[in-house]
Amino acid sequence: MTAGPVPVYFAGPIGVCDLCQRPLAGEAGFGDVEVPGTGGAWGLLCLPCCAGAAWGWGFGQRYERQDGCGWVLVEGGPPA
């Protein structure tokens, strides 16, 4: 039997969406992506503000809440 990949968790603090100011703590997920209109600055965005985001290493990472464990990376992880 082979174990699956080791989960990756978001370790930093979360606050509000850097675009619409929605509190992220109550959301099911968020993206760590380039903030539109900033010329390359990255931030944490709620999923509605991530519409059209490219998920991938160097593009954006999507995290979802995992009860009791925090925020787990579900898209955009490092290359295998």
C-alpha atoms as a PDB file:
ATOM      1  CA  MET A   1       0.000   0.000   0.000  1.00  0.00           C
ATOM      2  CA  THR A   2       1.323   3.438  -0.964  1.00  0.00           C
ATOM      3  CA  ALA A   3       0.512   6.515   1.065  1.00  0.00           C
ATOM      4  CA  GLY A   4      -0.932   9.519  -0.731  1.00  0.00           C
ATOM      5  CA  PRO A   5       0.820  12.867  -0.952  1.00  0.00           C
ATOM      6  CA  VAL A   6       1.503  14.725   2.262  1.00  0.00           C
ATOM      7  CA  PRO A   7      -1.013  17.567   2.647  1.00  0.00           C
ATOM      8  CA  VAL A   8       0.257  21.156   2.531  1.00  0.00           C
ATOM      9  CA  TYR A   9      -1.333  23.657   4.914  1.00  0.00           C
ATOM     10  CA  PHE A  10      -1.436  27.453   4.884  1.00  0.00           C
ATOM     11  CA  ALA A  11       0.653  28.563   7.859  1.00  0.00           C
ATOM     12  CA  GLY A  12       0.204  32.319   7.876  1.00  0.00           C
ATOM     13  CA  PRO A  13      -2.519  34.430   9.435  1.00  0.00           C
ATOM     14  CA  ILE A  14      -5.639  35.151   7.416  1.00  0.00           C
ATOM     15  CA  GLY A  15      -7.726  38.278   7.792  1.00  0.00           C
ATOM     16  CA  VAL A  16      -9.916  39.742   5.096  1.00  0.00           C
ATOM     17  CA  CYS A  17      -9.983  39.452   1.319  1.00  0.00           C
ATOM     18  CA  ASP A  18      -7.448  41.927  -0.042  1.00  0.00           C
ATOM     19  CA  LEU A  19      -9.907  42.929  -2.783  1.00  0.00           C
ATOM     20  CA  CYS A  20     -13.419  43.122  -1.248  1.00  0.00           C
ATOM     21  CA  GLN A  21     -12.545  43.058   2.499  1.00  0.00           C
ATOM     22  CA  ARG A  22     -14.763  39.987   3.203  1.00  0.00           C
ATOM     23  CA  PRO A  23     -13.580  38.160   6.375  1.00  0.00           C
ATOM     24  CA  LEU A  24     -11.850  34.956   5.226  1.00  0.00           C
ATOM     25  CA  ALA A  25     -12.316  33.072   8.507  1.00  0.00           C
ATOM     26  CA  GLY A  26     -15.968  32.409   7.644  1.00  0.00           C
ATOM     27  CA  GLU A  27     -15.268  31.233   4.096  1.00  0.00           C
ATOM     28  CA  ALA A  28     -14.963  27.658   2.836  1.00  0.00           C
ATOM     29  CA  GLY A  29     -11.768  28.555   0.992  1.00  0.00           C
ATOM     30  CA  PHE A  30      -9.532  31.306  -0.355  1.00  0.00           C
ATOM     31  CA  GLY A  31      -6.823  31.902  -2.925  1.00  0.00           C
ATOM     32  CA  ASP A  32      -3.260  33.114  -2.479  1.00  0.00           C
ATOM     33  CA  VAL A  33      -3.002  34.897  -5.834  1.00  0.00           C
ATOM     34  CA  GLU A  34      -1.906  38.015  -7.678  1.00  0.00           C
ATOM     35  CA  VAL A  35      -4.340  40.807  -6.796  1.00  0.00           C
ATOM     36  CA  PRO A  36      -5.897  42.252  -9.972  1.00  0.00           C
ATOM     37  CA  GLY A  37      -4.867  45.807 -10.772  1.00  0.00           C
ATOM     38  CA  THR A  38      -1.827  45.910  -8.477  1.00  0.00           C
ATOM     39  CA  GLY A  39       0.924  45.315 -10.997  1.00  0.00           C
ATOM     40  CA  GLY A  40       2.049  42.029  -9.477  1.00  0.00           C
ATOM     41  CA  ALA A  41       1.280  42.242  -5.748  1.00  0.00           C
ATOM     42  CA  TRP A  42      -0.003  39.010  -4.213  1.00  0.00           C
ATOM     43  CA  GLY A  43      -2.637  38.677  -1.534  1.00  0.00           C
ATOM     44  CA  LEU A  44      -5.351  36.510  -0.052  1.00  0.00           C
ATOM     45  CA  LEU A  45      -8.670  36.665  -1.895  1.00  0.00           C
ATOM     46  CA  CYS A  46     -12.062  35.099  -1.181  1.00  0.00           C
ATOM     47  CA  LEU A  47     -13.106  32.563  -3.802  1.00  0.00           C
ATOM     48  CA  PRO A  48     -15.648  34.889  -5.493  1.00  0.00           C
ATOM     49  CA  CYS A  49     -12.844  37.443  -6.045  1.00  0.00           C
ATOM     50  CA  CYS A  50     -10.647  34.640  -7.458  1.00  0.00           C
ATOM     51  CA  ALA A  51     -13.024  34.032 -10.388  1.00  0.00           C
ATOM     52  CA  GLY A  52     -10.870  33.413 -13.440  1.00  0.00           C
ATOM     53  CA  ALA A  53      -7.666  32.909 -11.446  1.00  0.00           C
ATOM     54  CA  ALA A  54      -5.050  30.537 -12.835  1.00  0.00           C
ATOM     55  CA  TRP A  55      -4.238  27.867 -10.256  1.00  0.00           C
ATOM     56  CA  GLY A  56      -0.703  26.544 -10.463  1.00  0.00           C
ATOM     57  CA  TRP A  57       2.785  26.858  -9.035  1.00  0.00           C
ATOM     58  CA  GLY A  58       3.809  30.469  -9.630  1.00  0.00           C
ATOM     59  CA  PHE A  59       0.252  31.486 -10.552  1.00  0.00           C
ATOM     60  CA  GLY A  60      -1.975  30.932  -7.524  1.00  0.00           C
ATOM     61  CA  GLN A  61      -2.793  28.490  -4.777  1.00  0.00           C
ATOM     62  CA  ARG A  62      -6.318  27.589  -3.637  1.00  0.00           C
ATOM     63  CA  TYR A  63      -6.927  26.484  -0.053  1.00  0.00           C
ATOM     64  CA  GLU A  64     -10.015  24.942   1.537  1.00  0.00           C
ATOM     65  CA  ARG A  65     -10.989  24.683   5.180  1.00  0.00           C
ATOM     66  CA  GLN A  66     -10.362  21.240   6.649  1.00  0.00           C
ATOM     67  CA  ASP A  67     -12.158  20.923   9.980  1.00  0.00           C
ATOM     68  CA  GLY A  68      -9.770  20.649  12.880  1.00  0.00           C
ATOM     69  CA  CYS A  69      -6.678  21.054  10.682  1.00  0.00           C
ATOM     70  CA  GLY A  70      -6.793  24.535   9.186  1.00  0.00           C
ATOM     71  CA  TRP A  71      -6.456  25.403   5.506  1.00  0.00           C
ATOM     72  CA  VAL A  72      -5.260  22.666   3.135  1.00  0.00           C
ATOM     73  CA  LEU A  73      -3.850  23.310  -0.337  1.00  0.00           C
ATOM     74  CA  VAL A  74      -6.192  21.834  -2.963  1.00  0.00           C
ATOM     75  CA  GLU A  75      -4.921  23.427  -6.198  1.00  0.00           C
ATOM     76  CA  GLY A  76      -1.728  25.052  -7.371  1.00  0.00           C
ATOM     77  CA  GLY A  77       0.802  23.053  -5.397  1.00  0.00           C
ATOM     78  CA  PRO A  78       4.449  22.510  -6.265  1.00  0.00           C
ATOM     79  CA  PRO A  79       5.302  20.374  -9.286  1.00  0.00           C
ATOM     80  CA  ALA A  80       5.532  16.655  -8.553  1.00  0.00           C
END
